[in-house]
């Protein structure tokens, strides 16, 4: 397994925090149910299986508390983050390091050094400051941990004696990667695979993060490597895929 790369966190716009405060001040007791109509909430996030599940969890809890929830999941952060900044999206599920580095580059430029690290407290401090500039307030990170990972077919791993990403680099073969649309250049994705490992990534197919299309691409042989989530272990086994160990630890906390 690769090293854990992300802690799931909820994020709320400042406008929503004020709205919740006003609702409590006007007689709401903060408890669930009771038929109280506390208003509308728009929930967003990236549209892949893990976020679909966490978004559904948020939606159920908010509806039980009396809110009418509209869920709008999208492909990438650059779609919904501007909507949060404007107040058109109220809440989203996110990843500490991924969001911190995204806000850092949008604020300080594409060449800005990553602010994420293996230290959760340091990364959260950076994220809190960056999020505040975008009118976003971070909630406390959940204890649940998920890792980005990279997988190949079992046959490919067996034929080439692969167990780590360094093993893949040592092959010296051109590699097509199926991954998220924003993978290219990222230090925890194509950038790290190319620069830290020296893997010859000749093309990134933007088929989605851990998506069925991306997985089918590597199964069919269209690509040799696919970006997945560590929480997909059962489905990966069903597809006869194996995760290569991130032995140089390019994944942040």
C-alpha atoms as a PDB file:
ATOM      1  CA  UNK A   1       0.000   0.000   0.000  1.00  0.00           C
ATOM      2  CA  UNK A   2       1.117   3.524  -0.644  1.00  0.00           C
ATOM      3  CA  UNK A   3       1.503   5.997   2.161  1.00  0.00           C
ATOM      4  CA  UNK A   4      -1.703   7.820   3.262  1.00  0.00           C
ATOM      5  CA  UNK A   5      -1.996  11.015   1.264  1.00  0.00           C
ATOM      6  CA  UNK A   6      -5.125  12.800   2.321  1.00  0.00           C
ATOM      7  CA  UNK A   7      -7.411  13.413   5.256  1.00  0.00           C
ATOM      8  CA  UNK A   8     -11.021  14.041   4.389  1.00  0.00           C
ATOM      9  CA  UNK A   9     -12.262  17.413   5.571  1.00  0.00           C
ATOM     10  CA  UNK A  10     -15.473  19.379   5.261  1.00  0.00           C
ATOM     11  CA  UNK A  11     -15.377  23.012   4.183  1.00  0.00           C
ATOM     12  CA  UNK A  12     -18.032  25.667   4.667  1.00  0.00           C
ATOM     13  CA  UNK A  13     -18.317  29.134   3.198  1.00  0.00           C
ATOM     14  CA  UNK A  14     -18.280  31.999   5.693  1.00  0.00           C
ATOM     15  CA  UNK A  15     -21.784  32.938   4.547  1.00  0.00           C
ATOM     16  CA  UNK A  16     -23.118  29.548   5.596  1.00  0.00           C
ATOM     17  CA  UNK A  17     -21.524  29.778   9.015  1.00  0.00           C
ATOM     18  CA  UNK A  18     -23.319  33.053   9.589  1.00  0.00           C
ATOM     19  CA  UNK A  19     -26.592  31.583   8.344  1.00  0.00           C
ATOM     20  CA  UNK A  20     -26.333  28.647  10.752  1.00  0.00           C
ATOM     21  CA  UNK A  21     -25.588  31.059  13.594  1.00  0.00           C
ATOM     22  CA  UNK A  22     -28.660  33.117  12.789  1.00  0.00           C
ATOM     23  CA  UNK A  23     -30.825  29.996  12.608  1.00  0.00           C
ATOM     24  CA  UNK A  24     -29.718  28.944  16.091  1.00  0.00           C
ATOM     25  CA  UNK A  25     -30.252  32.443  17.452  1.00  0.00           C
ATOM     26  CA  UNK A  26     -33.861  32.476  16.226  1.00  0.00           C
ATOM     27  CA  UNK A  27     -34.961  29.409  18.108  1.00  0.00           C
ATOM     28  CA  UNK A  28     -33.157  26.468  16.482  1.00  0.00           C
ATOM     29  CA  UNK A  29     -31.629  24.160  19.070  1.00  0.00           C
ATOM     30  CA  UNK A  30     -29.065  22.642  16.697  1.00  0.00           C
ATOM     31  CA  UNK A  31     -30.662  19.200  17.029  1.00  0.00           C
ATOM     32  CA  UNK A  32     -31.689  16.959  14.156  1.00  0.00           C
ATOM     33  CA  UNK A  33     -35.128  16.486  12.662  1.00  0.00           C
ATOM     34  CA  UNK A  34     -38.210  18.080  14.133  1.00  0.00           C
ATOM     35  CA  UNK A  35     -39.461  19.305  10.765  1.00  0.00           C
ATOM     36  CA  UNK A  36     -37.704  22.687  11.095  1.00  0.00           C
ATOM     37  CA  UNK A  37     -37.049  24.322   7.712  1.00  0.00           C
ATOM     38  CA  UNK A  38     -33.628  25.949   8.068  1.00  0.00           C
ATOM     39  CA  UNK A  39     -33.216  26.876   4.402  1.00  0.00           C
ATOM     40  CA  UNK A  40     -31.394  25.669   1.319  1.00  0.00           C
ATOM     41  CA  UNK A  41     -27.820  24.378   1.113  1.00  0.00           C
ATOM     42  CA  UNK A  42     -25.811  23.584  -2.023  1.00  0.00           C
ATOM     43  CA  UNK A  43     -23.231  20.849  -1.518  1.00  0.00           C
ATOM     44  CA  UNK A  44     -20.413  20.164  -3.976  1.00  0.00           C
ATOM     45  CA  UNK A  45     -17.144  18.306  -4.431  1.00  0.00           C
ATOM     46  CA  UNK A  46     -15.322  16.197  -6.992  1.00  0.00           C
ATOM     47  CA  UNK A  47     -17.395  13.561  -8.774  1.00  0.00           C
ATOM     48  CA  UNK A  48     -15.844  10.192  -7.985  1.00  0.00           C
ATOM     49  CA  UNK A  49     -17.005   7.299  -5.839  1.00  0.00           C
ATOM     50  CA  UNK A  50     -15.441   8.306  -2.536  1.00  0.00           C
ATOM     51  CA  UNK A  51     -16.755  11.871  -2.690  1.00  0.00           C
ATOM     52  CA  UNK A  52     -20.160  10.616  -3.797  1.00  0.00           C
ATOM     53  CA  UNK A  53     -20.303   8.573  -0.589  1.00  0.00           C
ATOM     54  CA  UNK A  54     -19.114  11.365   1.728  1.00  0.00           C
ATOM     55  CA  UNK A  55     -21.391  13.878   0.003  1.00  0.00           C
ATOM     56  CA  UNK A  56     -24.334  11.536   0.583  1.00  0.00           C
ATOM     57  CA  UNK A  57     -23.379  11.309   4.273  1.00  0.00           C
ATOM     58  CA  UNK A  58     -23.264  15.111   4.582  1.00  0.00           C
ATOM     59  CA  UNK A  59     -26.581  15.407   2.761  1.00  0.00           C
ATOM     60  CA  UNK A  60     -28.360  12.960   5.063  1.00  0.00           C
ATOM     61  CA  UNK A  61     -27.073  14.706   8.186  1.00  0.00           C
ATOM     62  CA  UNK A  62     -28.006  18.162   6.902  1.00  0.00           C
ATOM     63  CA  UNK A  63     -31.468  17.054   5.802  1.00  0.00           C
ATOM     64  CA  UNK A  64     -32.023  15.482   9.216  1.00  0.00           C
ATOM     65  CA  UNK A  65     -31.086  18.833  10.753  1.00  0.00           C
ATOM     66  CA  UNK A  66     -33.761  20.574   8.686  1.00  0.00           C
ATOM     67  CA  UNK A  67     -31.934  21.820   5.581  1.00  0.00           C
ATOM     68  CA  UNK A  68     -32.995  21.308   1.956  1.00  0.00           C
ATOM     69  CA  UNK A  69     -29.840  20.030   0.211  1.00  0.00           C
ATOM     70  CA  UNK A  70     -28.948  20.276  -3.474  1.00  0.00           C
ATOM     71  CA  UNK A  71     -25.870  18.205  -4.427  1.00  0.00           C
ATOM     72  CA  UNK A  72     -23.781  19.242  -7.441  1.00  0.00           C
ATOM     73  CA  UNK A  73     -20.635  17.141  -7.883  1.00  0.00           C
ATOM     74  CA  UNK A  74     -18.168  18.184 -10.598  1.00  0.00           C
ATOM     75  CA  UNK A  75     -14.979  16.900 -12.241  1.00  0.00           C
ATOM     76  CA  UNK A  76     -12.332  19.188 -10.709  1.00  0.00           C
ATOM     77  CA  UNK A  77     -11.754  21.749  -7.961  1.00  0.00           C
ATOM     78  CA  UNK A  78     -11.418  24.651 -10.377  1.00  0.00           C
ATOM     79  CA  UNK A  79     -15.128  24.261 -11.170  1.00  0.00           C
ATOM     80  CA  UNK A  80     -16.637  24.457  -7.689  1.00  0.00           C
ATOM     81  CA  UNK A  81     -14.073  26.464  -5.701  1.00  0.00           C
ATOM     82  CA  UNK A  82     -14.936  29.702  -7.572  1.00  0.00           C
ATOM     83  CA  UNK A  83     -18.599  28.946  -6.831  1.00  0.00           C
ATOM     84  CA  UNK A  84     -17.749  28.683  -3.127  1.00  0.00           C
ATOM     85  CA  UNK A  85     -15.873  31.971  -3.257  1.00  0.00           C
ATOM     86  CA  UNK A  86     -19.003  33.638  -4.671  1.00  0.00           C
ATOM     87  CA  UNK A  87     -21.279  31.950  -2.141  1.00  0.00           C
ATOM     88  CA  UNK A  88     -23.112  29.818  -4.725  1.00  0.00           C
ATOM     89  CA  UNK A  89     -21.821  26.615  -3.079  1.00  0.00           C
ATOM     90  CA  UNK A  90     -22.084  26.289   0.698  1.00  0.00           C
ATOM     91  CA  UNK A  91     -20.313  23.083   1.692  1.00  0.00           C
ATOM     92  CA  UNK A  92     -18.018  20.457   0.155  1.00  0.00           C
ATOM     93  CA  UNK A  93     -15.993  17.427   1.151  1.00  0.00           C
ATOM     94  CA  UNK A  94     -12.279  17.792   0.440  1.00  0.00           C
ATOM     95  CA  UNK A  95      -8.737  16.557   1.082  1.00  0.00           C
ATOM     96  CA  UNK A  96      -6.326  18.507   3.243  1.00  0.00           C
ATOM     97  CA  UNK A  97      -3.187  18.380   1.101  1.00  0.00           C
ATOM     98  CA  UNK A  98      -4.923  18.430  -2.262  1.00  0.00           C
ATOM     99  CA  UNK A  99      -6.948  21.524  -1.425  1.00  0.00           C
ATOM    100  CA  UNK A 100      -4.011  23.282   0.256  1.00  0.00           C
ATOM    101  CA  UNK A 101      -1.804  22.914  -2.804  1.00  0.00           C
ATOM    102  CA  UNK A 102      -4.655  23.851  -5.156  1.00  0.00           C
ATOM    103  CA  UNK A 103      -5.411  27.091  -3.286  1.00  0.00           C
ATOM    104  CA  UNK A 104      -1.682  27.806  -3.033  1.00  0.00           C
ATOM    105  CA  UNK A 105      -1.158  27.677  -6.802  1.00  0.00           C
ATOM    106  CA  UNK A 106      -4.317  29.635  -7.566  1.00  0.00           C
ATOM    107  CA  UNK A 107      -3.213  32.309  -5.077  1.00  0.00           C
ATOM    108  CA  UNK A 108       0.547  32.359  -5.661  1.00  0.00           C
ATOM    109  CA  UNK A 109       0.935  31.021  -9.203  1.00  0.00           C
ATOM    110  CA  UNK A 110       1.553  27.667 -10.860  1.00  0.00           C
ATOM    111  CA  UNK A 111       5.238  27.723  -9.882  1.00  0.00           C
ATOM    112  CA  UNK A 112       4.531  28.115  -6.147  1.00  0.00           C
ATOM    113  CA  UNK A 113       6.217  25.491  -3.973  1.00  0.00           C
ATOM    114  CA  UNK A 114       3.716  23.000  -2.466  1.00  0.00           C
ATOM    115  CA  UNK A 115       2.614  23.877   1.060  1.00  0.00           C
ATOM    116  CA  UNK A 116       1.510  20.353   1.945  1.00  0.00           C
ATOM    117  CA  UNK A 117       3.783  18.077   3.941  1.00  0.00           C
ATOM    118  CA  UNK A 118       3.717  14.911   6.032  1.00  0.00           C
ATOM    119  CA  UNK A 119       2.746  17.019   9.070  1.00  0.00           C
ATOM    120  CA  UNK A 120      -1.039  17.430   9.427  1.00  0.00           C
ATOM    121  CA  UNK A 121      -0.910  20.419  11.792  1.00  0.00           C
ATOM    122  CA  UNK A 122       1.496  22.355   9.572  1.00  0.00           C
ATOM    123  CA  UNK A 123      -0.516  21.585   6.447  1.00  0.00           C
ATOM    124  CA  UNK A 124      -3.785  22.575   8.136  1.00  0.00           C
ATOM    125  CA  UNK A 125      -2.250  25.878   9.274  1.00  0.00           C
ATOM    126  CA  UNK A 126      -1.281  26.660   5.685  1.00  0.00           C
ATOM    127  CA  UNK A 127      -4.694  25.561   4.435  1.00  0.00           C
ATOM    128  CA  UNK A 128      -6.615  27.659   6.965  1.00  0.00           C
ATOM    129  CA  UNK A 129      -4.753  30.789   5.867  1.00  0.00           C
ATOM    130  CA  UNK A 130      -5.206  30.115   2.147  1.00  0.00           C
ATOM    131  CA  UNK A 131      -8.869  29.161   2.520  1.00  0.00           C
ATOM    132  CA  UNK A 132      -9.651  32.368   4.456  1.00  0.00           C
ATOM    133  CA  UNK A 133      -8.444  34.398   1.470  1.00  0.00           C
ATOM    134  CA  UNK A 134     -11.038  32.608  -0.659  1.00  0.00           C
ATOM    135  CA  UNK A 135     -13.922  33.178   1.796  1.00  0.00           C
ATOM    136  CA  UNK A 136     -13.779  29.506   2.850  1.00  0.00           C
ATOM    137  CA  UNK A 137     -13.605  28.177   6.410  1.00  0.00           C
ATOM    138  CA  UNK A 138     -12.176  24.741   7.143  1.00  0.00           C
ATOM    139  CA  UNK A 139     -13.809  22.386   9.605  1.00  0.00           C
ATOM    140  CA  UNK A 140     -11.863  19.901  11.740  1.00  0.00           C
ATOM    141  CA  UNK A 141     -10.398  17.084   9.603  1.00  0.00           C
ATOM    142  CA  UNK A 142     -12.031  13.693   9.937  1.00  0.00           C
ATOM    143  CA  UNK A 143     -10.029  10.777  11.270  1.00  0.00           C
ATOM    144  CA  UNK A 144     -10.641   8.837   8.053  1.00  0.00           C
ATOM    145  CA  UNK A 145      -7.509   8.574   5.912  1.00  0.00           C
ATOM    146  CA  UNK A 146      -7.301   7.839   2.207  1.00  0.00           C
ATOM    147  CA  UNK A 147      -4.294   7.554  -0.078  1.00  0.00           C
ATOM    148  CA  UNK A 148      -3.797   8.242  -3.749  1.00  0.00           C
ATOM    149  CA  UNK A 149      -2.160   5.187  -5.271  1.00  0.00           C
ATOM    150  CA  UNK A 150      -1.049   3.844  -8.647  1.00  0.00           C
ATOM    151  CA  UNK A 151      -1.935   0.411  -9.962  1.00  0.00           C
ATOM    152  CA  UNK A 152      -0.998  -1.907 -12.813  1.00  0.00           C
ATOM    153  CA  UNK A 153      -2.449  -5.207 -13.934  1.00  0.00           C
ATOM    154  CA  UNK A 154      -1.323  -8.254 -11.998  1.00  0.00           C
ATOM    155  CA  UNK A 155       0.031  -9.738 -15.228  1.00  0.00           C
ATOM    156  CA  UNK A 156       2.126  -6.635 -15.979  1.00  0.00           C
ATOM    157  CA  UNK A 157       3.497  -6.661 -12.419  1.00  0.00           C
ATOM    158  CA  UNK A 158       4.296 -10.378 -12.599  1.00  0.00           C
ATOM    159  CA  UNK A 159       5.908 -10.200 -16.050  1.00  0.00           C
ATOM    160  CA  UNK A 160       8.183  -7.355 -14.963  1.00  0.00           C
ATOM    161  CA  UNK A 161       8.705  -8.278 -11.282  1.00  0.00           C
ATOM    162  CA  UNK A 162       7.126  -5.039 -10.033  1.00  0.00           C
ATOM    163  CA  UNK A 163       6.163  -4.245  -6.456  1.00  0.00           C
ATOM    164  CA  UNK A 164       7.140  -0.551  -6.155  1.00  0.00           C
ATOM    165  CA  UNK A 165       7.011   2.554  -8.310  1.00  0.00           C
ATOM    166  CA  UNK A 166      10.821   2.502  -8.319  1.00  0.00           C
ATOM    167  CA  UNK A 167      10.620  -0.933  -9.942  1.00  0.00           C
ATOM    168  CA  UNK A 168       8.436   0.554 -12.655  1.00  0.00           C
ATOM    169  CA  UNK A 169      10.921   3.382 -13.212  1.00  0.00           C
ATOM    170  CA  UNK A 170      13.771   0.884 -13.506  1.00  0.00           C
ATOM    171  CA  UNK A 171      12.036  -0.738 -16.498  1.00  0.00           C
ATOM    172  CA  UNK A 172      12.833   2.375 -18.537  1.00  0.00           C
ATOM    173  CA  UNK A 173       9.745   1.830 -20.671  1.00  0.00           C
ATOM    174  CA  UNK A 174       7.313   4.527 -21.888  1.00  0.00           C
ATOM    175  CA  UNK A 175       4.229   4.595 -19.668  1.00  0.00           C
ATOM    176  CA  UNK A 176       0.744   5.909 -20.436  1.00  0.00           C
ATOM    177  CA  UNK A 177      -1.070   7.011 -17.264  1.00  0.00           C
ATOM    178  CA  UNK A 178      -4.857   7.090 -16.813  1.00  0.00           C
ATOM    179  CA  UNK A 179      -5.674   9.667 -14.143  1.00  0.00           C
ATOM    180  CA  UNK A 180      -7.580  12.747 -13.060  1.00  0.00           C
ATOM    181  CA  UNK A 181      -7.762  15.699 -15.474  1.00  0.00           C
ATOM    182  CA  UNK A 182      -5.529  17.801 -13.186  1.00  0.00           C
ATOM    183  CA  UNK A 183      -2.857  15.091 -12.743  1.00  0.00           C
ATOM    184  CA  UNK A 184      -0.301  16.474 -15.189  1.00  0.00           C
ATOM    185  CA  UNK A 185       2.452  18.397 -13.404  1.00  0.00           C
ATOM    186  CA  UNK A 186       1.190  17.654  -9.888  1.00  0.00           C
ATOM    187  CA  UNK A 187       3.874  16.531  -7.441  1.00  0.00           C
ATOM    188  CA  UNK A 188       1.599  13.756  -6.115  1.00  0.00           C
ATOM    189  CA  UNK A 189       0.699  12.572  -9.605  1.00  0.00           C
ATOM    190  CA  UNK A 190       2.421  12.868 -13.012  1.00  0.00           C
ATOM    191  CA  UNK A 191       4.941  15.456 -11.801  1.00  0.00           C
ATOM    192  CA  UNK A 192       6.132  13.270  -8.932  1.00  0.00           C
ATOM    193  CA  UNK A 193       6.160  10.119 -11.026  1.00  0.00           C
ATOM    194  CA  UNK A 194       8.294  11.859 -13.661  1.00  0.00           C
ATOM    195  CA  UNK A 195      10.575  14.024 -11.515  1.00  0.00           C
ATOM    196  CA  UNK A 196      10.995  12.001  -8.318  1.00  0.00           C
ATOM    197  CA  UNK A 197      10.855   8.497  -9.743  1.00  0.00           C
ATOM    198  CA  UNK A 198      12.080   9.143 -13.279  1.00  0.00           C
ATOM    199  CA  UNK A 199       9.190   7.206 -14.840  1.00  0.00           C
ATOM    200  CA  UNK A 200       8.819   8.013 -18.540  1.00  0.00           C
ATOM    201  CA  UNK A 201       5.196   9.197 -18.577  1.00  0.00           C
ATOM    202  CA  UNK A 202       4.566   9.799 -22.288  1.00  0.00           C
ATOM    203  CA  UNK A 203       0.887  10.663 -21.976  1.00  0.00           C
ATOM    204  CA  UNK A 204      -1.774  11.322 -19.336  1.00  0.00           C
ATOM    205  CA  UNK A 205      -5.255  10.170 -20.301  1.00  0.00           C
ATOM    206  CA  UNK A 206      -7.690  12.468 -18.407  1.00  0.00           C
ATOM    207  CA  UNK A 207     -10.230   9.744 -17.686  1.00  0.00           C
ATOM    208  CA  UNK A 208     -11.027  10.738 -14.102  1.00  0.00           C
ATOM    209  CA  UNK A 209      -9.693  10.001 -10.643  1.00  0.00           C
ATOM    210  CA  UNK A 210     -10.099   6.282  -9.854  1.00  0.00           C
ATOM    211  CA  UNK A 211     -12.967   6.163 -12.339  1.00  0.00           C
ATOM    212  CA  UNK A 212     -14.328   3.037 -14.076  1.00  0.00           C
ATOM    213  CA  UNK A 213     -13.110   4.525 -17.378  1.00  0.00           C
ATOM    214  CA  UNK A 214      -9.566   4.941 -16.058  1.00  0.00           C
ATOM    215  CA  UNK A 215      -9.515   1.421 -14.636  1.00  0.00           C
ATOM    216  CA  UNK A 216     -10.870  -0.041 -17.887  1.00  0.00           C
ATOM    217  CA  UNK A 217      -8.110   1.794 -19.751  1.00  0.00           C
ATOM    218  CA  UNK A 218      -5.346  -0.074 -17.914  1.00  0.00           C
ATOM    219  CA  UNK A 219      -7.230  -3.366 -17.991  1.00  0.00           C
ATOM    220  CA  UNK A 220      -7.634  -3.098 -21.778  1.00  0.00           C
ATOM    221  CA  UNK A 221      -3.979  -2.147 -22.289  1.00  0.00           C
ATOM    222  CA  UNK A 222      -4.682   1.388 -23.506  1.00  0.00           C
ATOM    223  CA  UNK A 223      -2.587   2.568 -20.539  1.00  0.00           C
ATOM    224  CA  UNK A 224      -0.110   0.796 -18.273  1.00  0.00           C
ATOM    225  CA  UNK A 225      -0.671   2.725 -15.020  1.00  0.00           C
ATOM    226  CA  UNK A 226      -3.821   4.096 -13.374  1.00  0.00           C
ATOM    227  CA  UNK A 227      -4.338   6.547 -10.503  1.00  0.00           C
ATOM    228  CA  UNK A 228      -6.631   4.991  -7.888  1.00  0.00           C
ATOM    229  CA  UNK A 229      -7.636   5.352  -4.228  1.00  0.00           C
ATOM    230  CA  UNK A 230      -6.410   3.060  -1.470  1.00  0.00           C
ATOM    231  CA  UNK A 231     -10.037   2.548  -0.415  1.00  0.00           C
ATOM    232  CA  UNK A 232     -10.630   0.685  -3.694  1.00  0.00           C
ATOM    233  CA  UNK A 233      -8.673  -2.442  -2.710  1.00  0.00           C
ATOM    234  CA  UNK A 234     -11.616  -4.820  -3.158  1.00  0.00           C
ATOM    235  CA  UNK A 235     -12.680  -3.464  -6.548  1.00  0.00           C
ATOM    236  CA  UNK A 236      -9.060  -3.423  -7.742  1.00  0.00           C
ATOM    237  CA  UNK A 237      -8.668  -7.080  -6.822  1.00  0.00           C
ATOM    238  CA  UNK A 238     -11.826  -7.877  -8.782  1.00  0.00           C
ATOM    239  CA  UNK A 239     -10.233  -6.206 -11.822  1.00  0.00           C
ATOM    240  CA  UNK A 240      -6.986  -8.130 -11.244  1.00  0.00           C
ATOM    241  CA  UNK A 241      -5.024  -4.948 -10.508  1.00  0.00           C
ATOM    242  CA  UNK A 242      -2.287  -4.432  -7.922  1.00  0.00           C
ATOM    243  CA  UNK A 243      -1.084  -1.217  -6.278  1.00  0.00           C
ATOM    244  CA  UNK A 244       2.619  -0.397  -6.564  1.00  0.00           C
ATOM    245  CA  UNK A 245       4.188   0.836  -3.321  1.00  0.00           C
ATOM    246  CA  UNK A 246       4.977   4.566  -3.224  1.00  0.00           C
ATOM    247  CA  UNK A 247       8.463   3.846  -1.862  1.00  0.00           C
ATOM    248  CA  UNK A 248       9.688   7.454  -2.340  1.00  0.00           C
ATOM    249  CA  UNK A 249       6.603   8.799  -0.580  1.00  0.00           C
ATOM    250  CA  UNK A 250       5.463  11.466  -3.043  1.00  0.00           C
ATOM    251  CA  UNK A 251       2.045  11.547  -1.357  1.00  0.00           C
ATOM    252  CA  UNK A 252       1.650  14.220   1.347  1.00  0.00           C
ATOM    253  CA  UNK A 253      -0.478  13.861   4.476  1.00  0.00           C
END
